[in-house]
Amino acid sequence: MNGDLTRESIRPKTPARLAMSTPKRRRGEPSRVMAMLERRASEALGLCRGVLRSPSLSLRLLSTLPFILRGAEFSRRWGSVAREEALRLGWEGQESGFACNPLQSYFESHRKGPGVWKWVHYFELYHRHLSKFVGREVHVLEIGVYSGGSLPMWREYFGPKCQVYGVDIEEACRVYENDWTSISIGDQADRGFWKRFKHQHPRIDVLIDDGGHEAEQQLVTLEEMLPHLRPGGVYLCEDVHGERNRFNAYVHGVAAHLNTCLPKPGDRSKGTACSPTDFQASIHSVHMYPFLSVIEKHDRPVAEFTAPKHGTEWQPFL
């Protein structure tokens, strides 16, 4: 959760701050309205360009809009729906339990020294997706160094074979360099910066984007660095806030491509086979959690998706 914008957006306002900020809102209202209109116009223009660039794909995506809305409405009704079901099944008040993990233990015990600022629920998700690298040689890139506290956290978690790379726009972050930590200074929205970075660091296994939190910064970073991740690599983007978040919408578009189905001709009595797209051959999965997006790559390219039939007794209706 690095970056001034994010710190300001989640910092609660005291009554004094609210009172002081009210006149400023009134004085700045026209400029804010203009900024909002300009943003909406830019979004509309981008939509038009996208439709013109890929009309058939745009129409297919538009056909899914009613179901996107249906899903959004269902999630908003979840409180009443789930509560009613929990009461009916006797789940009310029950907990599934929580097993702590090394990352959360490190965070909870870290009280002095360089600062670490993370949403607590991230630690379970880090451990779920990154535990396979523990004890192995692993090259970890974290974008958004800030106060440097998470760099030794990754080293402690993965072990002595871990090499950490930090990227930040602030020159002051070079102070956190050491034998196992390299710091690069640059703008994550600059494709030229990433071109130089990839030339200097040919191996990255894990990428954690905790940088500027602006959608364009996140999009450029994903587009430049996801192809650069080694097979089996894991990409994580933190602090994806808001239902209308543009990066979140982008990830939805990426995830949808995983369901592309290209059937192969053949004898269906023996099963079904599909050819993967280039994306499916490389990308294992896309995961979405509260404020966090995760993309995992296959350990090796997938050549075929198969659904063989096993057994001798089959119903006649299919």
Protein backbone atom coordinates (compact mmCIF):
# COMPACT_ATOMS: atom_id res chain seq x y z
CA MET A 1 0.00 0.00 0.00
CA ASN A 2 2.77 2.37 -0.96
CA GLY A 3 2.37 5.79 -2.49
CA ASP A 4 1.02 9.14 -1.31
CA LEU A 5 -2.23 8.81 -3.22
CA THR A 6 -3.13 5.56 -1.50
CA ARG A 7 -2.10 6.73 1.95
CA GLU A 8 -4.30 9.79 1.61
CA SER A 9 -7.24 7.87 0.17
CA ILE A 10 -7.46 5.40 3.07
CA ARG A 11 -6.51 7.76 5.92
CA PRO A 12 -9.61 8.53 8.03
CA LYS A 13 -10.45 12.21 8.33
CA THR A 14 -10.76 13.78 11.74
CA PRO A 15 -13.55 16.30 12.38
CA ALA A 16 -10.98 19.09 12.24
CA ARG A 17 -9.78 17.98 8.82
CA LEU A 18 -13.33 17.67 7.59
CA ALA A 19 -14.18 21.17 8.75
CA MET A 20 -11.09 22.61 7.12
CA SER A 21 -11.66 20.80 3.85
CA THR A 22 -15.31 21.82 3.33
CA PRO A 23 -14.65 25.35 1.98
CA LYS A 24 -11.97 23.97 -0.32
CA ARG A 25 -14.47 21.56 -1.80
CA ARG A 26 -16.86 24.41 -2.58
CA ARG A 27 -14.15 26.58 -4.12
CA GLY A 28 -12.76 23.71 -6.17
CA GLU A 29 -16.09 22.25 -7.24
CA PRO A 30 -16.06 23.57 -10.85
CA SER A 31 -12.56 22.24 -11.48
CA ARG A 32 -13.49 18.86 -10.03
CA VAL A 33 -16.61 18.73 -12.18
CA MET A 34 -14.55 19.57 -15.26
CA ALA A 35 -11.98 16.91 -14.35
CA MET A 36 -14.77 14.34 -13.96
CA LEU A 37 -16.29 15.32 -17.32
CA GLU A 38 -12.90 15.10 -19.00
CA ARG A 39 -12.35 11.67 -17.47
CA ARG A 40 -15.77 10.45 -18.65
CA ALA A 41 -15.11 11.85 -22.14
CA SER A 42 -11.74 10.09 -22.22
CA GLU A 43 -13.38 6.81 -21.17
CA ALA A 44 -16.07 7.20 -23.86
CA LEU A 45 -13.41 7.95 -26.48
CA GLY A 46 -11.43 4.91 -25.37
CA LEU A 47 -14.57 2.77 -25.63
CA CYS A 48 -15.23 4.00 -29.17
CA ARG A 49 -11.66 3.32 -30.21
CA GLY A 50 -11.87 -0.18 -28.75
CA VAL A 51 -15.09 -0.95 -30.63
CA LEU A 52 -13.62 0.31 -33.91
CA ARG A 53 -10.41 -1.64 -33.36
CA SER A 54 -12.15 -4.95 -32.51
CA PRO A 55 -15.85 -4.74 -33.50
CA SER A 56 -16.63 -8.48 -33.36
CA LEU A 57 -14.91 -8.94 -30.00
CA SER A 58 -16.70 -5.84 -28.67
CA LEU A 59 -20.09 -7.28 -29.68
CA ARG A 60 -19.31 -10.60 -28.00
CA LEU A 61 -18.30 -8.85 -24.80
CA LEU A 62 -21.37 -6.60 -24.95
CA SER A 63 -23.58 -9.70 -25.05
CA THR A 64 -22.21 -10.69 -21.63
CA LEU A 65 -23.14 -7.35 -20.02
CA PRO A 66 -26.55 -8.55 -18.69
CA PHE A 67 -24.79 -11.39 -16.86
CA ILE A 68 -22.11 -9.07 -15.48
CA LEU A 69 -24.91 -6.89 -14.10
CA ARG A 70 -26.70 -9.94 -12.74
CA GLY A 71 -23.57 -11.06 -10.94
CA ALA A 72 -22.99 -7.57 -9.53
CA GLU A 73 -26.55 -7.43 -8.22
CA PHE A 74 -26.23 -10.89 -6.65
CA SER A 75 -23.01 -9.92 -4.84
CA ARG A 76 -24.71 -6.82 -3.44
CA ARG A 77 -27.57 -8.95 -2.11
CA TRP A 78 -25.13 -11.42 -0.59
CA GLY A 79 -25.55 -10.25 3.00
CA SER A 80 -29.24 -11.11 3.21
CA VAL A 81 -28.98 -14.23 1.02
CA ALA A 82 -26.04 -15.73 2.89
CA ARG A 83 -27.42 -14.82 6.33
CA GLU A 84 -30.69 -16.57 5.60
CA GLU A 85 -28.88 -19.71 4.42
CA ALA A 86 -26.50 -19.68 7.40
CA LEU A 87 -29.43 -19.51 9.81
CA ARG A 88 -31.22 -22.32 7.99
CA LEU A 89 -28.15 -24.60 8.11
CA GLY A 90 -27.02 -23.61 11.60
CA TRP A 91 -23.77 -21.96 10.49
CA GLU A 92 -24.41 -18.65 12.25
CA GLY A 93 -21.51 -17.78 14.53
CA GLN A 94 -19.31 -20.69 13.39
CA GLU A 95 -15.76 -20.09 12.20
CA SER A 96 -13.65 -22.29 9.94
CA GLY A 97 -10.47 -21.43 11.83
CA PHE A 98 -7.33 -19.63 10.66
CA ALA A 99 -3.85 -21.08 10.39
CA CYS A 100 -1.11 -18.49 10.70
CA ASN A 101 1.76 -18.55 8.22
CA PRO A 102 5.40 -17.40 8.27
CA LEU A 103 4.68 -14.13 6.45
CA GLN A 104 1.98 -13.07 8.88
CA SER A 105 4.13 -14.16 11.83
CA TYR A 106 6.94 -11.97 10.52
CA PHE A 107 4.58 -9.02 10.06
CA GLU A 108 3.01 -9.37 13.51
CA SER A 109 6.40 -9.51 15.22
CA HIS A 110 7.88 -6.60 13.25
CA ARG A 111 7.54 -3.57 15.54
CA LYS A 112 10.75 -1.59 14.91
CA GLY A 113 12.90 -0.70 11.93
CA PRO A 114 11.90 -0.12 8.28
CA GLY A 115 8.13 0.07 7.88
CA VAL A 116 5.91 -2.63 6.39
CA TRP A 117 2.33 -1.66 5.40
CA LYS A 118 0.11 -4.45 4.09
CA TRP A 119 -3.54 -5.49 4.29
CA VAL A 120 -3.60 -8.39 6.76
CA HIS A 121 -5.66 -10.68 4.52
CA TYR A 122 -2.88 -10.54 1.90
CA PHE A 123 -0.63 -12.81 3.97
CA GLU A 124 -2.82 -15.88 3.53
CA LEU A 125 -2.93 -15.19 -0.23
CA TYR A 126 0.82 -14.66 -0.51
CA HIS A 127 1.39 -17.98 1.27
CA ARG A 128 -1.17 -19.76 -0.93
CA HIS A 129 0.47 -18.69 -4.19
CA LEU A 130 4.14 -18.29 -3.24
CA SER A 131 4.91 -21.14 -0.81
CA LYS A 132 6.16 -23.31 -3.70
CA PHE A 133 9.23 -21.05 -3.96
CA VAL A 134 10.27 -21.36 -0.29
CA GLY A 135 13.80 -22.74 0.04
CA ARG A 136 14.46 -22.53 -3.70
CA GLU A 137 16.44 -20.06 -5.76
CA VAL A 138 13.89 -17.35 -6.45
CA HIS A 139 14.13 -13.85 -7.91
CA VAL A 140 11.51 -11.50 -6.46
CA LEU A 141 10.61 -8.07 -7.82
CA GLU A 142 8.62 -5.68 -5.64
CA ILE A 143 7.45 -2.41 -7.16
CA GLY A 144 6.99 0.25 -4.50
CA VAL A 145 9.83 0.18 -1.97
CA TYR A 146 8.55 3.05 0.23
CA SER A 147 10.13 2.49 3.68
CA GLY A 148 11.88 -0.75 2.75
CA GLY A 149 10.37 -3.04 5.37
CA SER A 150 8.88 -5.64 3.03
CA LEU A 151 12.20 -6.35 1.25
CA PRO A 152 13.72 -8.29 4.18
CA MET A 153 10.31 -9.88 4.79
CA TRP A 154 10.50 -11.61 1.40
CA ARG A 155 14.08 -12.69 2.03
CA GLU A 156 13.12 -14.14 5.42
CA TYR A 157 10.15 -15.97 3.92
CA PHE A 158 11.79 -17.48 0.82
CA GLY A 159 15.19 -18.17 2.38
CA PRO A 160 18.86 -17.43 1.66
CA LYS A 161 18.58 -18.32 -2.04
CA CYS A 162 16.19 -15.38 -2.58
CA GLN A 163 17.35 -12.35 -4.57
CA VAL A 164 15.15 -9.28 -4.15
CA TYR A 165 14.75 -6.43 -6.65
CA GLY A 166 13.01 -3.23 -5.62
CA VAL A 167 11.66 -0.59 -7.99
CA ASP A 168 10.63 2.87 -6.88
CA ILE A 169 10.40 6.36 -8.33
CA GLU A 170 12.10 7.89 -5.29
CA GLU A 171 15.89 8.09 -5.39
CA ALA A 172 16.00 7.91 -1.58
CA CYS A 173 15.04 4.23 -1.76
CA ARG A 174 18.54 3.29 -2.88
CA VAL A 175 19.45 3.24 0.82
CA TYR A 176 17.87 -0.23 1.06
CA GLU A 177 20.37 -1.86 -1.32
CA ASN A 178 22.53 -4.66 0.08
CA ASP A 179 24.13 -7.95 -0.99
CA TRP A 180 20.77 -9.58 -1.74
CA THR A 181 18.68 -6.51 -2.64
CA SER A 182 19.04 -4.44 -5.81
CA ILE A 183 17.16 -1.13 -6.18
CA SER A 184 16.19 0.38 -9.53
CA ILE A 185 14.82 3.92 -9.76
CA GLY A 186 12.23 4.58 -12.46
CA ASP A 187 8.62 5.18 -13.43
CA GLN A 188 6.62 1.96 -13.69
CA ALA A 189 4.42 3.57 -16.37
CA ASP A 190 7.49 4.04 -18.61
CA ARG A 191 7.87 1.14 -21.06
CA GLY A 192 11.43 2.29 -21.78
CA PHE A 193 12.31 1.80 -18.12
CA TRP A 194 10.99 -1.78 -18.20
CA LYS A 195 12.93 -2.51 -21.39
CA ARG A 196 16.15 -1.51 -19.62
CA PHE A 197 15.17 -3.38 -16.46
CA LYS A 198 14.50 -6.63 -18.36
CA HIS A 199 17.87 -6.37 -20.07
CA GLN A 200 19.60 -5.97 -16.69
CA HIS A 201 17.54 -8.62 -14.87
CA PRO A 202 16.73 -11.53 -17.20
CA ARG A 203 15.20 -13.71 -14.47
CA ILE A 204 12.12 -12.79 -12.42
CA ASP A 205 10.01 -15.49 -10.74
CA VAL A 206 7.69 -13.38 -8.56
CA LEU A 207 6.42 -9.86 -9.21
CA ILE A 208 4.55 -7.88 -6.54
CA ASP A 209 3.12 -4.56 -7.77
CA ASP A 210 2.65 -2.30 -4.76
CA GLY A 211 3.67 0.84 -6.61
CA GLY A 212 1.76 3.93 -7.67
CA HIS A 213 -1.67 2.21 -7.75
CA GLU A 214 -2.80 4.13 -10.84
CA ALA A 215 -4.47 1.94 -13.47
CA GLU A 216 -2.14 2.94 -16.31
CA GLN A 217 0.92 2.23 -14.17
CA GLN A 218 -0.45 -1.22 -13.32
CA LEU A 219 -1.43 -1.96 -16.93
CA VAL A 220 1.96 -1.02 -18.37
CA THR A 221 3.73 -3.06 -15.69
CA LEU A 222 1.59 -6.15 -16.37
CA GLU A 223 1.93 -5.88 -20.15
CA GLU A 224 5.70 -5.42 -19.99
CA MET A 225 6.55 -7.84 -17.21
CA LEU A 226 4.07 -10.74 -17.34
CA PRO A 227 5.66 -12.12 -20.54
CA HIS A 228 9.07 -11.69 -18.85
CA LEU A 229 8.18 -13.85 -15.83
CA ARG A 230 9.76 -17.28 -15.95
CA PRO A 231 7.56 -20.36 -16.47
CA GLY A 232 5.83 -21.11 -13.17
CA GLY A 233 6.12 -17.46 -12.19
CA VAL A 234 3.53 -15.56 -10.16
CA TYR A 235 2.37 -11.96 -10.69
CA LEU A 236 0.51 -10.13 -7.90
CA CYS A 237 -0.99 -6.63 -8.03
CA GLU A 238 -1.99 -5.10 -4.71
CA ASP A 239 -4.54 -2.47 -3.74
CA VAL A 240 -6.97 -2.85 -6.64
CA HIS A 241 -9.75 -0.83 -5.03
CA GLY A 242 -13.27 -0.08 -6.27
CA GLU A 243 -15.89 -1.82 -8.42
CA ARG A 244 -15.20 0.58 -11.30
CA ASN A 245 -11.43 0.15 -11.11
CA ARG A 246 -10.05 0.15 -14.66
CA PHE A 247 -7.26 -2.29 -13.87
CA ASN A 248 -9.84 -4.65 -12.39
CA ALA A 249 -11.84 -4.42 -15.63
CA TYR A 250 -8.66 -5.18 -17.59
CA VAL A 251 -8.00 -8.30 -15.50
CA HIS A 252 -11.59 -9.45 -16.14
CA GLY A 253 -10.85 -9.20 -19.86
CA VAL A 254 -7.63 -11.17 -19.45
CA ALA A 255 -9.37 -13.87 -17.39
CA ALA A 256 -12.19 -14.25 -19.93
CA HIS A 257 -9.69 -15.40 -22.56
CA LEU A 258 -8.82 -18.45 -20.44
CA ASN A 259 -12.24 -19.89 -21.38
CA THR A 260 -11.62 -19.75 -25.15
CA CYS A 261 -12.49 -23.18 -26.56
CA LEU A 262 -10.96 -24.43 -29.84
CA PRO A 263 -12.19 -28.05 -30.27
CA LYS A 264 -10.06 -30.48 -32.22
CA PRO A 265 -11.76 -32.77 -34.75
CA GLY A 266 -11.83 -36.40 -33.74
CA ASP A 267 -13.81 -39.35 -32.42
CA ARG A 268 -15.99 -37.94 -29.61
CA SER A 269 -16.76 -41.45 -28.39
CA LYS A 270 -13.27 -41.44 -26.88
CA GLY A 271 -13.52 -37.95 -25.40
CA THR A 272 -12.88 -34.35 -26.35
CA ALA A 273 -9.73 -32.34 -27.00
CA CYS A 274 -9.09 -28.63 -27.50
CA SER A 275 -6.12 -26.70 -28.80
CA PRO A 276 -4.93 -23.95 -26.41
CA THR A 277 -4.46 -20.39 -27.55
CA ASP A 278 -0.99 -18.93 -27.07
CA PHE A 279 -2.31 -17.26 -23.91
CA GLN A 280 -3.82 -20.47 -22.51
CA ALA A 281 -0.61 -22.36 -23.27
CA SER A 282 1.35 -19.97 -21.06
CA ILE A 283 -1.08 -18.73 -18.40
CA HIS A 284 -2.23 -21.22 -15.78
CA SER A 285 -4.80 -19.13 -13.90
CA VAL A 286 -6.11 -15.70 -12.93
CA HIS A 287 -7.28 -15.13 -9.35
CA MET A 288 -9.20 -12.18 -7.93
CA TYR A 289 -9.37 -11.44 -4.22
CA PRO A 290 -10.38 -8.37 -2.21
CA PHE A 291 -7.97 -5.67 -3.44
CA LEU A 292 -5.56 -8.24 -4.94
CA SER A 293 -5.17 -9.77 -8.42
CA VAL A 294 -2.94 -12.80 -9.04
CA ILE A 295 -1.84 -14.38 -12.33
CA GLU A 296 0.11 -17.66 -12.41
CA LYS A 297 2.05 -19.08 -15.34
CA HIS A 298 2.34 -22.74 -16.29
CA ASP A 299 5.59 -24.53 -15.41
CA ARG A 300 5.72 -25.64 -19.05
CA PRO A 301 3.61 -24.77 -22.13
CA VAL A 302 0.31 -26.63 -22.45
CA ALA A 303 0.02 -28.50 -25.75
CA GLU A 304 -3.57 -29.70 -25.44
CA PHE A 305 -6.64 -29.69 -23.18
CA THR A 306 -8.18 -33.15 -23.04
CA ALA A 307 -11.34 -34.66 -21.57
CA PRO A 308 -10.99 -38.43 -22.11
CA LYS A 309 -13.82 -40.83 -21.41
CA HIS A 310 -13.16 -43.64 -18.93
CA GLY A 311 -15.70 -46.38 -18.35
CA THR A 312 -17.96 -48.68 -20.39
CA GLU A 313 -21.51 -47.67 -19.39
CA TRP A 314 -22.96 -44.44 -20.74
CA GLN A 315 -26.46 -42.94 -20.78
CA PRO A 316 -27.89 -42.59 -24.34
CA PHE A 317 -29.04 -38.95 -24.05
CA LEU A 318 -25.66 -37.39 -24.87
